């Protein structure tokens, strides 16, 4: 995603209305981050959710803001590894709470366990309480996501990010064939 841009594939093939929402959000990135606003993307596999989320993260980085980018399954593995040292876990959670933007990709791809629900709630709730921004991608509609990560967590995401940006359609990874 190093070269992600509004004028590159797959963004150039996306619905203008969706891309314009992201343009507006990134145009006002400082204000959005200062006010703890986030954005989330919901849709089918391969429709550009991560690409649009990366545009938001890139805009924050370009504005000199701090950003942490993780797929949720990977982040949970890192948290699990940090548990061996309670100090390490608290340091990691403090870092996740303090960055200007936390980008969580593939929310819902994790195995649902009580431990996972507790960790995710802790991360989201801390950011919620401290009015810190999130960018999230998921394949689940809000009501489906409730079943995966819990009502309290989804409620906080909705308050922080508003309504999800829908991206449905065919898997562009299967359709896209770079020129040889």
N, C-alpha and C. Protein backbone atom coordinates (compact mmCIF):
# COMPACT_ATOMS: atom_id res chain seq x y z
N UNK A 1 0.80 -1.21 0.00
CA UNK A 1 0.00 0.00 0.00
C UNK A 1 0.84 1.27 0.00
N UNK A 2 2.12 1.11 -0.18
CA UNK A 2 3.03 2.25 -0.19
C UNK A 2 2.61 3.30 -1.22
N UNK A 3 2.13 2.87 -2.39
CA UNK A 3 1.79 3.79 -3.47
C UNK A 3 0.29 4.07 -3.58
N UNK A 4 -0.48 3.79 -2.55
CA UNK A 4 -1.91 4.01 -2.60
C UNK A 4 -2.19 5.49 -2.86
N UNK A 5 -3.16 5.75 -3.74
CA UNK A 5 -3.51 7.13 -4.09
C UNK A 5 -4.91 7.18 -4.69
N UNK A 6 -5.50 8.35 -4.61
CA UNK A 6 -6.84 8.53 -5.17
C UNK A 6 -6.86 8.35 -6.69
N UNK A 7 -5.72 8.59 -7.35
CA UNK A 7 -5.69 8.52 -8.81
C UNK A 7 -5.14 7.19 -9.34
N UNK A 8 -5.15 6.15 -8.51
CA UNK A 8 -4.64 4.84 -8.90
C UNK A 8 -5.71 3.77 -8.72
N UNK A 9 -5.56 2.68 -9.46
CA UNK A 9 -6.43 1.52 -9.28
C UNK A 9 -6.21 0.97 -7.87
N UNK A 10 -7.21 0.51 -7.19
CA UNK A 10 -8.61 0.33 -7.57
C UNK A 10 -9.50 1.54 -7.28
N UNK A 11 -8.94 2.58 -6.67
CA UNK A 11 -9.74 3.74 -6.29
C UNK A 11 -10.41 4.38 -7.51
N UNK A 12 -9.70 4.41 -8.63
CA UNK A 12 -10.25 5.02 -9.84
C UNK A 12 -11.46 4.27 -10.38
N UNK A 13 -11.64 3.03 -9.95
CA UNK A 13 -12.76 2.21 -10.42
C UNK A 13 -13.92 2.18 -9.42
N UNK A 14 -13.76 2.84 -8.30
CA UNK A 14 -14.79 2.82 -7.26
C UNK A 14 -15.85 3.88 -7.50
N UNK A 15 -16.97 3.68 -6.83
CA UNK A 15 -18.08 4.63 -6.90
C UNK A 15 -17.62 6.01 -6.42
N UNK A 16 -17.93 7.04 -7.21
CA UNK A 16 -17.53 8.40 -6.85
C UNK A 16 -18.04 8.81 -5.46
N UNK A 17 -19.28 8.44 -5.13
CA UNK A 17 -19.86 8.84 -3.85
C UNK A 17 -19.03 8.31 -2.68
N UNK A 18 -18.56 7.08 -2.79
CA UNK A 18 -17.75 6.47 -1.73
C UNK A 18 -16.39 7.16 -1.66
N UNK A 19 -15.75 7.33 -2.79
CA UNK A 19 -14.43 7.95 -2.83
C UNK A 19 -14.51 9.38 -2.31
N UNK A 20 -15.58 10.09 -2.62
CA UNK A 20 -15.72 11.48 -2.18
C UNK A 20 -15.86 11.59 -0.66
N UNK A 21 -16.50 10.61 -0.03
CA UNK A 21 -16.58 10.59 1.43
C UNK A 21 -15.17 10.50 2.01
N UNK A 22 -14.35 9.64 1.44
CA UNK A 22 -12.98 9.46 1.93
C UNK A 22 -12.15 10.71 1.63
N UNK A 23 -12.34 11.30 0.46
CA UNK A 23 -11.63 12.55 0.14
C UNK A 23 -11.94 13.63 1.17
N UNK A 24 -13.21 13.79 1.48
CA UNK A 24 -13.61 14.82 2.47
C UNK A 24 -12.98 14.51 3.83
N UNK A 25 -13.01 13.25 4.23
CA UNK A 25 -12.44 12.87 5.52
C UNK A 25 -10.94 13.18 5.55
N UNK A 26 -10.23 12.82 4.49
CA UNK A 26 -8.78 13.04 4.46
C UNK A 26 -8.45 14.53 4.30
N UNK A 27 -9.30 15.26 3.59
CA UNK A 27 -9.08 16.70 3.43
C UNK A 27 -9.09 17.41 4.79
N UNK A 28 -9.95 16.93 5.68
CA UNK A 28 -10.07 17.50 7.03
C UNK A 28 -9.44 16.58 8.07
N UNK A 29 -8.35 15.91 7.72
CA UNK A 29 -7.78 14.88 8.59
C UNK A 29 -7.41 15.44 9.97
N UNK A 30 -6.80 16.60 10.04
CA UNK A 30 -6.42 17.14 11.34
C UNK A 30 -7.64 17.38 12.22
N UNK A 31 -8.64 18.01 11.68
CA UNK A 31 -9.86 18.28 12.46
C UNK A 31 -10.52 16.98 12.88
N UNK A 32 -10.63 16.02 11.95
CA UNK A 32 -11.26 14.74 12.28
C UNK A 32 -10.50 14.02 13.39
N UNK A 33 -9.17 14.02 13.31
CA UNK A 33 -8.39 13.36 14.35
C UNK A 33 -8.46 14.12 15.67
N UNK A 34 -8.40 15.44 15.61
CA UNK A 34 -8.50 16.24 16.83
C UNK A 34 -9.84 16.02 17.54
N UNK A 35 -10.89 15.77 16.77
CA UNK A 35 -12.22 15.58 17.35
C UNK A 35 -12.54 14.11 17.61
N UNK A 36 -11.57 13.23 17.36
CA UNK A 36 -11.77 11.81 17.64
C UNK A 36 -12.73 11.11 16.69
N UNK A 37 -12.90 11.69 15.51
CA UNK A 37 -13.79 11.07 14.52
C UNK A 37 -13.06 9.95 13.79
N UNK A 38 -13.81 8.93 13.43
CA UNK A 38 -13.25 7.84 12.67
C UNK A 38 -14.09 7.55 11.45
N UNK A 39 -13.71 6.49 10.77
CA UNK A 39 -14.42 6.08 9.57
C UNK A 39 -14.28 4.57 9.47
N UNK A 40 -15.36 3.91 8.99
CA UNK A 40 -15.25 2.46 8.83
C UNK A 40 -15.88 2.02 7.53
N UNK A 41 -15.34 0.94 7.03
CA UNK A 41 -15.72 0.41 5.73
C UNK A 41 -16.23 -1.01 5.90
N UNK A 42 -17.39 -1.28 5.27
CA UNK A 42 -18.04 -2.58 5.36
C UNK A 42 -18.26 -3.08 3.95
N UNK A 43 -17.96 -4.35 3.71
CA UNK A 43 -18.28 -4.89 2.40
C UNK A 43 -17.63 -6.22 2.11
N UNK A 44 -17.81 -6.61 0.88
CA UNK A 44 -17.32 -7.90 0.42
C UNK A 44 -15.80 -7.92 0.31
N UNK A 45 -15.27 -9.11 0.26
CA UNK A 45 -13.83 -9.31 0.07
C UNK A 45 -13.40 -8.71 -1.26
N UNK A 46 -12.27 -7.99 -1.25
CA UNK A 46 -11.68 -7.50 -2.49
C UNK A 46 -12.35 -6.30 -3.11
N UNK A 47 -13.13 -5.54 -2.34
CA UNK A 47 -13.84 -4.39 -2.91
C UNK A 47 -13.15 -3.05 -2.66
N UNK A 48 -12.01 -3.07 -1.96
CA UNK A 48 -11.25 -1.84 -1.77
C UNK A 48 -11.32 -1.23 -0.39
N UNK A 49 -11.87 -1.95 0.56
CA UNK A 49 -11.98 -1.40 1.93
C UNK A 49 -10.62 -1.04 2.50
N UNK A 50 -9.68 -1.96 2.41
CA UNK A 50 -8.35 -1.70 2.96
C UNK A 50 -7.65 -0.58 2.21
N UNK A 51 -7.83 -0.51 0.91
CA UNK A 51 -7.22 0.56 0.12
C UNK A 51 -7.72 1.92 0.60
N UNK A 52 -9.03 2.06 0.78
CA UNK A 52 -9.58 3.34 1.24
C UNK A 52 -9.12 3.64 2.67
N UNK A 53 -9.08 2.63 3.51
CA UNK A 53 -8.59 2.84 4.88
C UNK A 53 -7.13 3.28 4.86
N UNK A 54 -6.34 2.70 3.96
CA UNK A 54 -4.93 3.10 3.85
C UNK A 54 -4.80 4.55 3.38
N UNK A 55 -5.72 5.02 2.54
CA UNK A 55 -5.70 6.43 2.13
C UNK A 55 -5.89 7.33 3.36
N UNK A 56 -6.75 6.93 4.26
CA UNK A 56 -6.97 7.70 5.49
C UNK A 56 -5.71 7.67 6.34
N UNK A 57 -5.13 6.48 6.52
CA UNK A 57 -3.92 6.36 7.32
C UNK A 57 -2.77 7.14 6.70
N UNK A 58 -2.65 7.09 5.39
CA UNK A 58 -1.59 7.82 4.70
C UNK A 58 -1.77 9.34 4.88
N UNK A 59 -3.02 9.81 4.80
CA UNK A 59 -3.28 11.23 5.00
C UNK A 59 -2.87 11.66 6.41
N UNK A 60 -3.15 10.81 7.39
CA UNK A 60 -2.76 11.13 8.77
C UNK A 60 -1.24 11.17 8.90
N UNK A 61 -0.56 10.21 8.31
CA UNK A 61 0.91 10.19 8.36
C UNK A 61 1.48 11.41 7.64
N UNK A 62 0.92 11.75 6.48
CA UNK A 62 1.39 12.92 5.73
C UNK A 62 1.18 14.21 6.51
N UNK A 63 0.18 14.22 7.39
CA UNK A 63 -0.09 15.39 8.23
C UNK A 63 0.78 15.40 9.49
N UNK A 64 1.68 14.43 9.59
CA UNK A 64 2.58 14.38 10.74
C UNK A 64 1.96 13.77 11.98
N UNK A 65 0.87 13.04 11.81
CA UNK A 65 0.18 12.43 12.94
C UNK A 65 0.68 11.01 13.16
N UNK A 66 0.46 10.50 14.37
CA UNK A 66 0.87 9.14 14.69
C UNK A 66 -0.23 8.16 14.31
N UNK A 67 0.18 7.04 13.73
CA UNK A 67 -0.76 6.03 13.23
C UNK A 67 -0.22 4.65 13.56
N UNK A 68 -1.11 3.76 13.95
CA UNK A 68 -0.77 2.35 14.11
C UNK A 68 -1.72 1.56 13.21
N UNK A 69 -1.15 0.70 12.37
CA UNK A 69 -1.93 -0.06 11.39
C UNK A 69 -1.74 -1.55 11.68
N UNK A 70 -2.85 -2.24 11.91
CA UNK A 70 -2.81 -3.67 12.19
C UNK A 70 -4.02 -4.36 11.57
N UNK A 71 -3.81 -5.59 11.11
CA UNK A 71 -4.98 -6.44 10.91
C UNK A 71 -5.35 -6.90 12.31
N UNK A 72 -6.63 -7.02 12.60
CA UNK A 72 -7.01 -7.36 13.96
C UNK A 72 -6.46 -8.72 14.39
N UNK A 73 -6.50 -9.76 13.55
CA UNK A 73 -5.90 -11.02 14.00
C UNK A 73 -4.42 -10.88 14.37
N UNK A 74 -3.66 -10.12 13.61
CA UNK A 74 -2.24 -9.93 13.94
C UNK A 74 -2.08 -9.15 15.24
N UNK A 75 -2.86 -8.10 15.43
CA UNK A 75 -2.78 -7.32 16.65
C UNK A 75 -3.07 -8.20 17.87
N UNK A 76 -4.06 -9.04 17.77
CA UNK A 76 -4.39 -9.91 18.89
C UNK A 76 -3.25 -10.88 19.18
N UNK A 77 -2.55 -11.34 18.15
CA UNK A 77 -1.37 -12.19 18.36
C UNK A 77 -0.28 -11.42 19.10
N UNK A 78 -0.09 -10.16 18.74
CA UNK A 78 0.91 -9.33 19.41
C UNK A 78 0.53 -9.11 20.88
N UNK A 79 -0.75 -8.86 21.13
CA UNK A 79 -1.22 -8.68 22.51
C UNK A 79 -0.98 -9.97 23.29
N UNK A 80 -1.29 -11.11 22.67
CA UNK A 80 -1.09 -12.40 23.34
C UNK A 80 0.38 -12.61 23.70
N UNK A 81 1.27 -12.27 22.78
CA UNK A 81 2.71 -12.40 23.05
C UNK A 81 3.15 -11.45 24.17
N UNK A 82 2.55 -10.29 24.25
CA UNK A 82 2.92 -9.30 25.26
C UNK A 82 2.44 -9.69 26.65
N UNK A 83 1.50 -10.62 26.73
CA UNK A 83 0.95 -11.02 28.02
C UNK A 83 2.01 -11.62 28.92
N UNK A 84 3.01 -12.26 28.33
CA UNK A 84 4.08 -12.86 29.13
C UNK A 84 4.68 -11.83 30.07
N UNK A 85 4.66 -10.60 29.67
CA UNK A 85 5.15 -9.52 30.51
C UNK A 85 4.01 -8.54 30.70
N UNK A 86 3.42 -8.51 31.88
CA UNK A 86 2.30 -7.59 32.12
C UNK A 86 2.70 -6.16 31.79
N UNK A 87 3.95 -5.81 32.08
CA UNK A 87 4.45 -4.47 31.74
C UNK A 87 4.42 -4.27 30.23
N UNK A 88 4.81 -5.30 29.48
CA UNK A 88 4.80 -5.23 28.01
C UNK A 88 3.40 -5.06 27.46
N UNK A 89 2.44 -5.76 28.06
CA UNK A 89 1.05 -5.65 27.62
C UNK A 89 0.52 -4.24 27.88
N UNK A 90 0.78 -3.71 29.07
CA UNK A 90 0.31 -2.37 29.39
C UNK A 90 0.96 -1.33 28.49
N UNK A 91 2.24 -1.51 28.19
CA UNK A 91 2.94 -0.59 27.30
C UNK A 91 2.31 -0.63 25.91
N UNK A 92 2.01 -1.83 25.40
CA UNK A 92 1.38 -1.97 24.10
C UNK A 92 0.00 -1.32 24.10
N UNK A 93 -0.81 -1.60 25.11
CA UNK A 93 -2.15 -1.01 25.17
C UNK A 93 -2.09 0.50 25.30
N UNK A 94 -1.11 1.01 26.04
CA UNK A 94 -0.94 2.47 26.14
C UNK A 94 -0.58 3.07 24.79
N UNK A 95 0.29 2.38 24.04
CA UNK A 95 0.66 2.87 22.71
C UNK A 95 -0.54 2.88 21.78
N UNK A 96 -1.35 1.80 21.83
CA UNK A 96 -2.55 1.73 21.00
C UNK A 96 -3.55 2.83 21.37
N UNK A 97 -3.57 3.20 22.63
CA UNK A 97 -4.49 4.23 23.08
C UNK A 97 -4.01 5.63 22.72
N UNK A 98 -2.70 5.80 22.57
CA UNK A 98 -2.16 7.15 22.43
C UNK A 98 -1.95 7.62 20.99
N UNK A 99 -1.90 6.72 20.02
CA UNK A 99 -1.69 7.16 18.64
C UNK A 99 -2.89 7.98 18.18
N UNK A 100 -2.64 8.92 17.28
CA UNK A 100 -3.72 9.76 16.77
C UNK A 100 -4.77 8.96 16.00
N UNK A 101 -4.33 7.91 15.29
CA UNK A 101 -5.24 7.10 14.49
C UNK A 101 -4.85 5.63 14.63
N UNK A 102 -5.82 4.83 15.02
CA UNK A 102 -5.63 3.38 15.05
C UNK A 102 -6.41 2.79 13.89
N UNK A 103 -5.69 2.10 13.01
CA UNK A 103 -6.26 1.49 11.81
C UNK A 103 -6.34 -0.01 12.08
N UNK A 104 -7.56 -0.53 12.18
CA UNK A 104 -7.80 -1.96 12.39
C UNK A 104 -8.43 -2.54 11.14
N UNK A 105 -7.70 -3.42 10.51
CA UNK A 105 -8.14 -4.05 9.27
C UNK A 105 -8.70 -5.43 9.58
N UNK A 106 -9.71 -5.83 8.83
CA UNK A 106 -10.30 -7.18 8.94
C UNK A 106 -10.90 -7.47 10.31
N UNK A 107 -11.61 -6.50 10.87
CA UNK A 107 -12.32 -6.74 12.13
C UNK A 107 -13.40 -7.79 11.85
N UNK A 108 -13.39 -8.82 12.63
CA UNK A 108 -14.31 -9.94 12.44
C UNK A 108 -13.63 -11.17 11.89
N UNK A 109 -12.38 -11.03 11.45
CA UNK A 109 -11.64 -12.18 10.92
C UNK A 109 -11.02 -13.01 12.04
N UNK A 110 -11.05 -12.48 13.25
CA UNK A 110 -10.46 -13.17 14.39
C UNK A 110 -11.40 -14.27 14.89
N UNK A 111 -10.84 -15.26 15.58
CA UNK A 111 -11.66 -16.27 16.23
C UNK A 111 -12.33 -15.64 17.44
N UNK A 112 -13.61 -15.88 17.58
CA UNK A 112 -14.38 -15.27 18.67
C UNK A 112 -14.21 -16.11 19.94
N UNK A 113 -13.51 -15.53 20.89
CA UNK A 113 -13.37 -16.14 22.21
C UNK A 113 -13.62 -15.06 23.25
N UNK A 114 -13.84 -15.45 24.49
CA UNK A 114 -14.03 -14.46 25.54
C UNK A 114 -12.81 -13.56 25.65
N UNK A 115 -11.61 -14.16 25.53
CA UNK A 115 -10.38 -13.38 25.62
C UNK A 115 -10.31 -12.34 24.51
N UNK A 116 -10.63 -12.75 23.28
CA UNK A 116 -10.61 -11.83 22.13
C UNK A 116 -11.60 -10.69 22.35
N UNK A 117 -12.81 -11.02 22.78
CA UNK A 117 -13.82 -9.99 23.02
C UNK A 117 -13.35 -9.00 24.07
N UNK A 118 -12.72 -9.51 25.13
CA UNK A 118 -12.23 -8.64 26.19
C UNK A 118 -11.12 -7.71 25.70
N UNK A 119 -10.18 -8.24 24.94
CA UNK A 119 -9.07 -7.43 24.44
C UNK A 119 -9.57 -6.36 23.47
N UNK A 120 -10.42 -6.76 22.54
CA UNK A 120 -10.93 -5.81 21.55
C UNK A 120 -11.76 -4.72 22.23
N UNK A 121 -12.62 -5.11 23.16
CA UNK A 121 -13.40 -4.11 23.89
C UNK A 121 -12.48 -3.14 24.62
N UNK A 122 -11.45 -3.66 25.25
CA UNK A 122 -10.51 -2.81 25.99
C UNK A 122 -9.85 -1.79 25.07
N UNK A 123 -9.42 -2.23 23.91
CA UNK A 123 -8.76 -1.34 22.95
C UNK A 123 -9.73 -0.27 22.44
N UNK A 124 -10.89 -0.70 22.00
CA UNK A 124 -11.89 0.23 21.44
C UNK A 124 -12.39 1.17 22.53
N UNK A 125 -12.70 0.63 23.70
CA UNK A 125 -13.25 1.46 24.78
C UNK A 125 -12.26 2.52 25.24
N UNK A 126 -10.99 2.16 25.33
CA UNK A 126 -9.99 3.15 25.73
C UNK A 126 -9.93 4.29 24.72
N UNK A 127 -9.94 3.97 23.45
CA UNK A 127 -9.92 5.01 22.42
C UNK A 127 -11.21 5.83 22.48
N UNK A 128 -12.32 5.17 22.72
CA UNK A 128 -13.61 5.85 22.85
C UNK A 128 -13.57 6.86 24.00
N UNK A 129 -13.10 6.41 25.16
CA UNK A 129 -13.05 7.29 26.34
C UNK A 129 -12.10 8.46 26.14
N UNK A 130 -11.02 8.24 25.39
CA UNK A 130 -10.03 9.29 25.17
C UNK A 130 -10.27 10.08 23.88
N UNK A 131 -11.39 9.80 23.22
CA UNK A 131 -11.77 10.47 21.97
C UNK A 131 -10.66 10.42 20.94
N UNK A 132 -10.19 9.21 20.68
CA UNK A 132 -9.15 8.96 19.69
C UNK A 132 -9.77 8.30 18.47
N UNK A 133 -9.29 8.62 17.29
CA UNK A 133 -9.87 8.17 16.03
C UNK A 133 -9.53 6.73 15.70
N UNK A 134 -10.46 6.14 14.94
CA UNK A 134 -10.31 4.78 14.42
C UNK A 134 -10.61 4.79 12.93
N UNK A 135 -9.94 3.91 12.20
CA UNK A 135 -10.38 3.53 10.86
C UNK A 135 -10.44 2.01 10.89
N UNK A 136 -11.58 1.49 10.45
CA UNK A 136 -11.84 0.05 10.56
C UNK A 136 -12.35 -0.48 9.22
N UNK A 137 -11.93 -1.72 8.91
CA UNK A 137 -12.52 -2.43 7.78
C UNK A 137 -13.08 -3.75 8.30
N UNK A 138 -14.19 -4.16 7.71
CA UNK A 138 -14.82 -5.43 8.08
C UNK A 138 -15.68 -5.94 6.94
N UNK A 139 -15.87 -7.23 6.92
CA UNK A 139 -16.79 -7.84 5.96
C UNK A 139 -18.20 -7.93 6.52
N UNK A 140 -18.37 -7.57 7.79
CA UNK A 140 -19.65 -7.73 8.47
C UNK A 140 -20.45 -6.44 8.53
N UNK A 141 -21.76 -6.57 8.23
CA UNK A 141 -22.69 -5.48 8.48
C UNK A 141 -22.78 -5.27 9.99
N UNK A 142 -23.20 -4.09 10.46
CA UNK A 142 -23.22 -3.83 11.90
C UNK A 142 -23.94 -4.89 12.73
N UNK A 143 -25.12 -5.36 12.29
CA UNK A 143 -25.83 -6.37 13.08
C UNK A 143 -25.08 -7.69 13.11
N UNK A 144 -24.38 -8.04 12.04
CA UNK A 144 -23.56 -9.25 12.02
C UNK A 144 -22.31 -9.06 12.88
N UNK A 145 -21.76 -7.87 12.86
CA UNK A 145 -20.56 -7.58 13.65
C UNK A 145 -20.85 -7.66 15.15
N UNK A 146 -22.07 -7.29 15.54
CA UNK A 146 -22.47 -7.42 16.94
C UNK A 146 -22.32 -8.87 17.39
N UNK A 147 -22.73 -9.80 16.54
CA UNK A 147 -22.62 -11.23 16.89
C UNK A 147 -21.16 -11.66 17.01
N UNK A 148 -20.28 -11.01 16.27
CA UNK A 148 -18.87 -11.39 16.26
C UNK A 148 -18.07 -10.73 17.39
N UNK A 149 -18.31 -9.43 17.63
CA UNK A 149 -17.45 -8.73 18.60
C UNK A 149 -18.22 -8.10 19.77
N UNK A 150 -19.53 -8.20 19.77
CA UNK A 150 -20.30 -7.71 20.91
C UNK A 150 -20.95 -6.36 20.68
N UNK A 151 -22.10 -6.19 21.28
CA UNK A 151 -22.90 -4.98 21.11
C UNK A 151 -22.22 -3.74 21.67
N UNK A 152 -21.58 -3.86 22.85
CA UNK A 152 -20.93 -2.70 23.46
C UNK A 152 -19.82 -2.16 22.57
N UNK A 153 -19.04 -3.07 21.98
CA UNK A 153 -17.93 -2.65 21.13
C UNK A 153 -18.45 -2.00 19.85
N UNK A 154 -19.43 -2.62 19.22
CA UNK A 154 -19.98 -2.07 17.97
C UNK A 154 -20.66 -0.73 18.23
N UNK A 155 -21.35 -0.60 19.35
CA UNK A 155 -22.00 0.67 19.68
C UNK A 155 -20.98 1.81 19.76
N UNK A 156 -19.83 1.53 20.35
CA UNK A 156 -18.78 2.55 20.46
C UNK A 156 -18.20 2.88 19.08
N UNK A 157 -18.02 1.86 18.25
CA UNK A 157 -17.51 2.09 16.89
C UNK A 157 -18.48 2.98 16.12
N UNK A 158 -19.77 2.71 16.24
CA UNK A 158 -20.78 3.51 15.54
C UNK A 158 -20.74 4.96 16.01
N UNK A 159 -20.62 5.17 17.33
CA UNK A 159 -20.57 6.56 17.83
C UNK A 159 -19.32 7.27 17.34
N UNK A 160 -18.20 6.55 17.30
CA UNK A 160 -16.93 7.16 16.90
C UNK A 160 -16.84 7.39 15.39
N UNK A 161 -17.41 6.47 14.61
CA UNK A 161 -17.20 6.47 13.16
C UNK A 161 -18.44 6.80 12.34
N UNK A 162 -19.61 6.84 12.95
CA UNK A 162 -20.83 7.07 12.19
C UNK A 162 -21.24 5.82 11.43
N UNK A 163 -22.04 6.01 10.41
CA UNK A 163 -22.49 4.88 9.61
C UNK A 163 -21.34 4.34 8.77
N UNK A 164 -21.31 3.03 8.58
CA UNK A 164 -20.23 2.45 7.77
C UNK A 164 -20.36 2.83 6.30
N UNK A 165 -19.23 2.91 5.64
CA UNK A 165 -19.18 3.18 4.20
C UNK A 165 -19.28 1.82 3.50
N UNK A 166 -20.33 1.60 2.69
CA UNK A 166 -20.51 0.28 2.07
C UNK A 166 -19.69 0.10 0.79
N UNK A 167 -19.07 -1.06 0.68
CA UNK A 167 -18.31 -1.43 -0.52
C UNK A 167 -18.65 -2.89 -0.85
N UNK A 168 -19.58 -3.05 -1.76
CA UNK A 168 -20.01 -4.39 -2.14
C UNK A 168 -19.79 -4.59 -3.63
N UNK A 169 -19.61 -5.83 -4.01
CA UNK A 169 -19.41 -6.14 -5.42
C UNK A 169 -18.44 -7.29 -5.59
N UNK A 170 -17.86 -7.35 -6.79
CA UNK A 170 -16.97 -8.45 -7.11
C UNK A 170 -15.59 -8.23 -6.51
N UNK A 171 -14.89 -9.30 -6.30
CA UNK A 171 -13.54 -9.29 -5.77
C UNK A 171 -12.60 -8.74 -6.84
N UNK A 172 -12.15 -7.49 -6.64
CA UNK A 172 -11.28 -6.83 -7.63
C UNK A 172 -9.91 -7.49 -7.72
N UNK A 173 -9.52 -8.19 -6.68
CA UNK A 173 -8.23 -8.90 -6.74
C UNK A 173 -8.28 -10.00 -7.79
N UNK A 174 -9.44 -10.59 -7.96
CA UNK A 174 -9.60 -11.64 -8.98
C UNK A 174 -9.75 -11.05 -10.38
N UNK A 175 -10.31 -9.83 -10.43
CA UNK A 175 -10.57 -9.18 -11.72
C UNK A 175 -9.36 -8.47 -12.27
N UNK A 176 -8.55 -7.90 -11.37
CA UNK A 176 -7.44 -7.06 -11.79
C UNK A 176 -6.29 -7.89 -12.30
N UNK A 177 -5.83 -7.57 -13.47
CA UNK A 177 -4.65 -8.23 -14.05
C UNK A 177 -3.73 -7.13 -14.55
N UNK A 178 -2.60 -6.93 -13.83
CA UNK A 178 -1.68 -5.86 -14.25
C UNK A 178 -1.17 -6.09 -15.67
N UNK A 179 -0.89 -4.99 -16.35
CA UNK A 179 -0.36 -5.08 -17.72
C UNK A 179 1.01 -5.73 -17.66
N UNK A 180 1.28 -6.57 -18.64
CA UNK A 180 2.58 -7.27 -18.69
C UNK A 180 3.61 -6.46 -19.44
